[in-house]
N, C-alpha and C. Protein backbone atom coordinates (compact mmCIF):
# COMPACT_ATOMS: atom_id res chain seq x y z
N MET A 1 49.40 3.58 42.97
CA MET A 1 48.22 4.14 42.57
C MET A 1 48.45 4.40 41.16
N ILE A 2 47.51 4.08 40.28
CA ILE A 2 47.55 4.46 38.91
C ILE A 2 46.66 5.72 38.69
N ARG A 3 47.22 6.66 38.06
CA ARG A 3 46.54 7.90 37.96
C ARG A 3 46.61 8.32 36.52
N ILE A 4 45.40 8.45 35.95
CA ILE A 4 45.09 8.70 34.52
C ILE A 4 44.18 9.95 34.48
N GLU A 5 44.71 10.88 33.63
CA GLU A 5 43.85 12.14 33.56
C GLU A 5 43.32 12.20 32.12
N ASN A 6 41.95 12.64 32.10
CA ASN A 6 41.31 12.81 30.88
C ASN A 6 40.48 14.12 30.88
N HIS A 7 39.77 14.40 29.83
CA HIS A 7 39.03 15.76 29.72
C HIS A 7 37.98 15.94 30.92
N LEU A 8 37.60 14.97 31.53
CA LEU A 8 36.48 14.91 32.64
C LEU A 8 37.32 15.01 34.08
N GLY A 9 38.55 14.83 34.18
CA GLY A 9 39.12 14.93 35.45
C GLY A 9 40.28 13.85 35.65
N THR A 10 40.42 13.41 36.84
CA THR A 10 41.63 12.38 37.15
C THR A 10 40.89 11.09 37.59
N ILE A 11 41.36 10.00 37.23
CA ILE A 11 41.08 8.67 37.62
C ILE A 11 42.18 8.08 38.53
N GLU A 12 41.91 7.67 39.71
CA GLU A 12 42.96 7.12 40.56
C GLU A 12 42.32 5.72 40.85
N ILE A 13 43.12 4.70 40.65
CA ILE A 13 42.72 3.37 41.05
C ILE A 13 44.02 2.73 41.65
N SER A 14 43.71 2.08 42.78
CA SER A 14 44.75 1.52 43.64
C SER A 14 45.48 0.46 42.85
N GLN A 15 46.79 0.27 43.04
CA GLN A 15 47.52 -0.75 42.46
C GLN A 15 47.14 -2.19 42.94
N SER A 16 46.73 -2.17 44.28
CA SER A 16 46.24 -3.52 44.57
C SER A 16 44.98 -4.04 44.00
N TYR A 17 43.99 -3.05 43.69
CA TYR A 17 42.79 -3.49 42.99
C TYR A 17 43.18 -4.02 41.56
N PHE A 18 44.06 -3.42 40.82
CA PHE A 18 44.47 -4.01 39.57
C PHE A 18 45.26 -5.31 39.55
N ALA A 19 46.07 -5.38 40.66
CA ALA A 19 46.66 -6.66 40.84
C ALA A 19 45.77 -7.76 41.10
N TYR A 20 44.85 -7.53 41.93
CA TYR A 20 43.83 -8.67 42.24
C TYR A 20 43.03 -9.09 41.02
N LEU A 21 42.57 -8.03 40.23
CA LEU A 21 41.81 -8.06 39.11
C LEU A 21 42.50 -8.94 38.02
N VAL A 22 43.71 -8.64 37.83
CA VAL A 22 44.54 -9.23 36.69
C VAL A 22 44.94 -10.66 37.15
N GLY A 23 45.38 -10.86 38.57
CA GLY A 23 45.79 -12.09 38.90
C GLY A 23 44.73 -13.18 38.92
N ASN A 24 43.31 -12.72 39.28
CA ASN A 24 42.31 -13.72 39.18
C ASN A 24 41.97 -13.98 37.72
N ALA A 25 42.08 -12.98 36.79
CA ALA A 25 41.78 -13.41 35.47
C ALA A 25 42.90 -14.23 34.83
N ALA A 26 44.21 -14.01 35.17
CA ALA A 26 45.20 -14.97 34.47
C ALA A 26 45.20 -16.22 35.20
N SER A 27 45.02 -16.43 36.41
CA SER A 27 44.98 -17.73 37.08
C SER A 27 43.91 -18.65 36.75
N SER A 28 42.72 -17.98 36.12
CA SER A 28 41.67 -18.79 35.83
C SER A 28 41.74 -19.29 34.44
N CYS A 29 42.64 -19.00 33.58
CA CYS A 29 42.89 -19.49 32.28
C CYS A 29 43.34 -20.86 32.21
N PHE A 30 42.96 -21.64 31.18
CA PHE A 30 43.29 -23.11 31.12
C PHE A 30 44.74 -23.21 30.93
N GLY A 31 45.42 -24.04 31.61
CA GLY A 31 46.86 -24.30 31.40
C GLY A 31 47.80 -23.55 32.40
N VAL A 32 47.03 -22.64 33.13
CA VAL A 32 47.87 -21.99 34.12
C VAL A 32 47.99 -22.56 35.42
N ALA A 33 49.21 -23.19 35.95
CA ALA A 33 49.30 -23.87 37.16
C ALA A 33 49.26 -23.11 38.34
N GLY A 34 49.76 -21.64 38.19
CA GLY A 34 49.68 -20.61 39.19
C GLY A 34 50.56 -19.53 38.83
N MET A 35 50.50 -18.61 39.82
CA MET A 35 51.26 -17.26 39.73
C MET A 35 52.70 -17.63 40.37
N VAL A 36 53.61 -16.94 39.89
CA VAL A 36 54.97 -16.95 40.49
C VAL A 36 55.21 -15.66 41.10
N LYS A 37 55.97 -15.61 42.26
CA LYS A 37 56.18 -14.33 42.88
C LYS A 37 57.30 -13.56 42.02
N SER A 38 57.10 -12.34 42.13
CA SER A 38 58.01 -11.54 41.12
C SER A 38 58.32 -10.31 42.11
N GLY A 39 59.67 -9.98 42.21
CA GLY A 39 60.09 -8.82 42.95
C GLY A 39 60.33 -9.26 44.54
N THR A 40 61.10 -8.49 45.04
CA THR A 40 61.46 -8.65 46.45
C THR A 40 60.38 -8.44 47.51
N ARG A 41 59.51 -7.48 47.12
CA ARG A 41 58.34 -7.20 47.99
C ARG A 41 57.43 -8.33 48.19
N GLN A 42 57.12 -9.08 46.92
CA GLN A 42 56.26 -10.24 47.06
C GLN A 42 56.99 -11.40 47.68
N GLY A 43 58.33 -11.50 47.43
CA GLY A 43 59.01 -12.73 48.04
C GLY A 43 59.17 -12.53 49.62
N LEU A 44 59.40 -11.35 50.06
CA LEU A 44 59.44 -11.17 51.41
C LEU A 44 58.09 -11.36 52.14
N ARG A 45 57.04 -10.74 51.53
CA ARG A 45 55.68 -10.89 52.08
C ARG A 45 55.30 -12.42 52.17
N SER A 46 55.75 -13.40 51.17
CA SER A 46 55.34 -14.61 51.27
C SER A 46 56.26 -15.40 52.29
N ILE A 47 57.38 -14.83 52.66
CA ILE A 47 58.24 -15.57 53.67
C ILE A 47 57.52 -15.29 55.08
N PHE A 48 56.92 -13.98 55.34
CA PHE A 48 56.54 -13.64 56.55
C PHE A 48 55.04 -14.15 56.72
N THR A 49 54.18 -14.25 55.81
CA THR A 49 52.83 -14.62 55.94
C THR A 49 52.48 -16.06 55.50
N ARG A 50 53.37 -16.74 54.77
CA ARG A 50 53.12 -18.02 54.53
C ARG A 50 51.92 -18.49 53.79
N ARG A 51 51.25 -17.46 53.06
CA ARG A 51 50.07 -17.68 52.31
C ARG A 51 50.23 -17.13 50.92
N SER A 52 49.33 -17.52 49.97
CA SER A 52 49.41 -16.92 48.65
C SER A 52 48.40 -15.79 48.45
N TYR A 53 48.60 -14.98 47.68
CA TYR A 53 47.70 -13.79 47.30
C TYR A 53 47.50 -13.75 45.82
N ALA A 54 46.35 -13.10 45.50
CA ALA A 54 45.81 -13.14 44.17
C ALA A 54 46.81 -12.05 43.39
N ASP A 55 47.60 -11.21 43.94
CA ASP A 55 48.40 -10.38 43.16
C ASP A 55 49.69 -10.94 42.97
N GLU A 56 49.94 -12.15 43.31
CA GLU A 56 51.46 -12.74 43.18
C GLU A 56 51.77 -12.64 41.53
N GLY A 57 52.96 -12.19 41.32
CA GLY A 57 53.47 -12.27 39.93
C GLY A 57 52.89 -11.20 39.10
N VAL A 58 52.17 -10.25 39.61
CA VAL A 58 51.61 -9.28 38.87
C VAL A 58 52.11 -7.73 39.04
N ARG A 59 52.33 -7.11 37.99
CA ARG A 59 52.82 -5.78 38.01
C ARG A 59 52.09 -4.93 37.02
N VAL A 60 51.39 -3.83 37.46
CA VAL A 60 50.73 -3.01 36.52
C VAL A 60 51.26 -1.69 36.67
N ARG A 61 51.47 -0.87 35.53
CA ARG A 61 51.91 0.38 35.45
C ARG A 61 51.28 1.19 34.39
N SER A 62 51.29 2.44 34.46
CA SER A 62 50.73 3.36 33.52
C SER A 62 51.86 4.00 32.54
N GLU A 63 51.69 3.85 31.32
CA GLU A 63 52.66 4.54 30.30
C GLU A 63 51.70 5.39 29.22
N ASN A 64 51.96 6.69 29.49
CA ASN A 64 51.17 7.71 28.39
C ASN A 64 49.71 7.43 28.53
N GLY A 65 49.20 7.26 29.64
CA GLY A 65 47.72 7.12 29.91
C GLY A 65 47.25 5.72 29.55
N LYS A 66 48.06 4.79 29.19
CA LYS A 66 47.66 3.41 28.95
C LYS A 66 48.43 2.41 29.86
N LEU A 67 47.65 1.38 30.27
CA LEU A 67 48.09 0.24 31.08
C LEU A 67 49.17 -0.71 30.46
N VAL A 68 50.17 -1.02 31.11
CA VAL A 68 51.15 -2.04 30.89
C VAL A 68 51.03 -3.02 31.96
N VAL A 69 50.82 -4.44 31.70
CA VAL A 69 50.70 -5.43 32.62
C VAL A 69 51.72 -6.43 32.48
N ASP A 70 52.47 -6.79 33.53
CA ASP A 70 53.47 -7.85 33.55
C ASP A 70 53.04 -8.87 34.34
N LEU A 71 52.99 -10.13 33.86
CA LEU A 71 52.51 -11.41 34.60
C LEU A 71 53.69 -12.45 34.59
N HIS A 72 53.79 -13.02 35.74
CA HIS A 72 54.81 -14.07 35.93
C HIS A 72 54.02 -15.36 36.29
N ILE A 73 54.00 -16.45 35.45
CA ILE A 73 53.21 -17.55 35.67
C ILE A 73 53.95 -18.72 35.56
N CYS A 74 53.29 -19.90 36.02
CA CYS A 74 53.79 -21.13 36.00
C CYS A 74 52.65 -21.98 35.13
N VAL A 75 53.15 -22.71 34.25
CA VAL A 75 52.13 -23.39 33.35
C VAL A 75 52.12 -24.98 33.51
N ILE A 76 51.14 -25.76 33.14
CA ILE A 76 51.16 -27.14 33.25
C ILE A 76 51.93 -27.73 32.34
N TYR A 77 52.71 -28.68 32.58
CA TYR A 77 53.61 -29.38 31.55
C TYR A 77 52.86 -30.06 30.46
N GLY A 78 53.36 -30.00 29.23
CA GLY A 78 52.70 -30.48 28.11
C GLY A 78 51.67 -29.65 27.29
N MET A 79 51.50 -28.51 27.99
CA MET A 79 50.33 -27.64 27.35
C MET A 79 51.14 -26.70 26.33
N ASN A 80 50.43 -26.25 25.41
CA ASN A 80 51.00 -25.38 24.36
C ASN A 80 51.11 -23.82 24.86
N ILE A 81 52.32 -23.66 25.22
CA ILE A 81 52.67 -22.21 25.87
C ILE A 81 52.12 -21.07 25.09
N ALA A 82 52.37 -21.16 23.64
CA ALA A 82 51.93 -19.97 22.93
C ALA A 82 50.53 -19.72 23.01
N GLU A 83 49.65 -20.79 23.04
CA GLU A 83 48.25 -20.63 23.12
C GLU A 83 47.74 -20.20 24.52
N ILE A 84 48.43 -20.82 25.54
CA ILE A 84 48.16 -20.26 26.89
C ILE A 84 48.41 -18.72 27.01
N SER A 85 49.49 -18.34 26.50
CA SER A 85 49.91 -16.96 26.62
C SER A 85 48.97 -16.08 25.89
N LYS A 86 48.61 -16.66 24.75
CA LYS A 86 47.58 -15.81 23.82
C LYS A 86 46.27 -15.61 24.57
N SER A 87 45.80 -16.68 25.29
CA SER A 87 44.63 -16.76 26.07
C SER A 87 44.70 -15.83 27.16
N ILE A 88 45.69 -15.83 27.87
CA ILE A 88 45.92 -14.88 29.06
C ILE A 88 45.90 -13.39 28.57
N VAL A 89 46.66 -13.11 27.46
CA VAL A 89 46.64 -11.84 27.07
C VAL A 89 45.21 -11.20 26.72
N ASN A 90 44.48 -12.07 26.00
CA ASN A 90 43.06 -11.68 25.60
C ASN A 90 42.23 -11.61 26.75
N LYS A 91 42.25 -12.49 27.77
CA LYS A 91 41.32 -12.46 28.88
C LYS A 91 41.76 -11.22 29.85
N VAL A 92 43.03 -11.04 30.05
CA VAL A 92 43.50 -9.99 30.94
C VAL A 92 43.05 -8.61 30.27
N ARG A 93 43.28 -8.52 29.05
CA ARG A 93 42.87 -7.20 28.29
C ARG A 93 41.48 -6.96 28.47
N TYR A 94 40.68 -8.01 28.09
CA TYR A 94 39.16 -7.92 28.18
C TYR A 94 38.69 -7.60 29.55
N THR A 95 39.23 -8.19 30.51
CA THR A 95 38.74 -8.11 31.96
C THR A 95 39.04 -6.63 32.57
N VAL A 96 40.26 -6.22 32.20
CA VAL A 96 40.68 -4.91 32.78
C VAL A 96 40.00 -3.66 31.96
N GLU A 97 39.70 -3.85 30.62
CA GLU A 97 39.07 -2.84 29.88
C GLU A 97 37.59 -2.79 30.24
N GLU A 98 36.99 -4.03 30.48
CA GLU A 98 35.57 -3.96 30.79
C GLU A 98 35.33 -3.60 32.28
N ALA A 99 36.28 -3.90 33.26
CA ALA A 99 36.00 -3.54 34.61
C ALA A 99 36.34 -2.01 34.86
N THR A 100 37.34 -1.46 34.17
CA THR A 100 37.82 -0.19 34.41
C THR A 100 37.55 0.97 33.35
N GLY A 101 37.22 0.52 32.09
CA GLY A 101 37.13 1.39 30.90
C GLY A 101 38.54 2.06 30.49
N LEU A 102 39.68 1.61 31.04
CA LEU A 102 41.01 1.95 30.67
C LEU A 102 41.54 1.13 29.46
N THR A 103 42.50 1.64 28.79
CA THR A 103 43.01 1.01 27.71
C THR A 103 44.21 0.25 28.07
N VAL A 104 44.26 -1.05 27.67
CA VAL A 104 45.51 -1.74 27.95
C VAL A 104 46.46 -1.66 26.84
N LYS A 105 47.76 -1.18 27.06
CA LYS A 105 48.53 -1.03 25.92
C LYS A 105 49.20 -2.36 25.66
N ARG A 106 49.65 -3.03 26.67
CA ARG A 106 50.50 -4.32 26.42
C ARG A 106 50.39 -5.21 27.65
N VAL A 107 50.22 -6.47 27.54
CA VAL A 107 50.21 -7.51 28.59
C VAL A 107 51.45 -8.42 28.23
N ASN A 108 52.50 -8.42 29.03
CA ASN A 108 53.60 -9.20 28.97
C ASN A 108 53.53 -10.47 29.82
N VAL A 109 53.77 -11.68 29.35
CA VAL A 109 53.47 -12.96 29.94
C VAL A 109 54.88 -13.53 30.07
N TYR A 110 55.28 -13.75 31.23
CA TYR A 110 56.66 -14.46 31.48
C TYR A 110 56.38 -15.81 32.16
N ILE A 111 56.90 -16.88 31.48
CA ILE A 111 56.67 -18.17 31.96
C ILE A 111 57.88 -18.44 32.71
N ASP A 112 57.65 -18.65 34.11
CA ASP A 112 58.77 -18.80 34.94
C ASP A 112 58.95 -20.21 35.49
N GLY A 113 58.03 -21.12 35.08
CA GLY A 113 58.16 -22.57 35.56
C GLY A 113 57.15 -23.31 35.03
N MET A 114 57.18 -24.73 35.21
CA MET A 114 56.26 -25.67 34.72
C MET A 114 56.06 -26.56 35.81
N LYS A 115 54.84 -27.16 35.83
CA LYS A 115 54.40 -28.14 37.05
C LYS A 115 53.70 -29.37 36.24
N SER A 116 53.90 -30.45 36.84
CA SER A 116 52.96 -31.53 36.28
C SER A 116 51.65 -31.49 37.03
N GLU A 117 50.63 -32.22 36.35
CA GLU A 117 49.35 -32.14 36.98
C GLU A 117 49.44 -32.93 38.20
């Protein structure tokens, strides 16, 4: 649960909502082959269910009232990684701020693999 307090009251948004929002925004960017599981919880979930989730490779946390997003992705071989990362950062920041009105402090993109088309 992400909890942010302001002068009007408290905003509580579930972690899973943010993960799905961010996961869909990142995976729709050009050059992204897919999301990569991060952490033991996502790894265990994939072993037992054998399906993919939109929140794979996504971690969202709050620091000083602003959001920090960590993304673990796999890119298409031969693509410009710097441009893909820049595109993901811009799209995720815009999507989250438009959907929730909350400020994104930082988007960290980790390239964990490459796939051929």
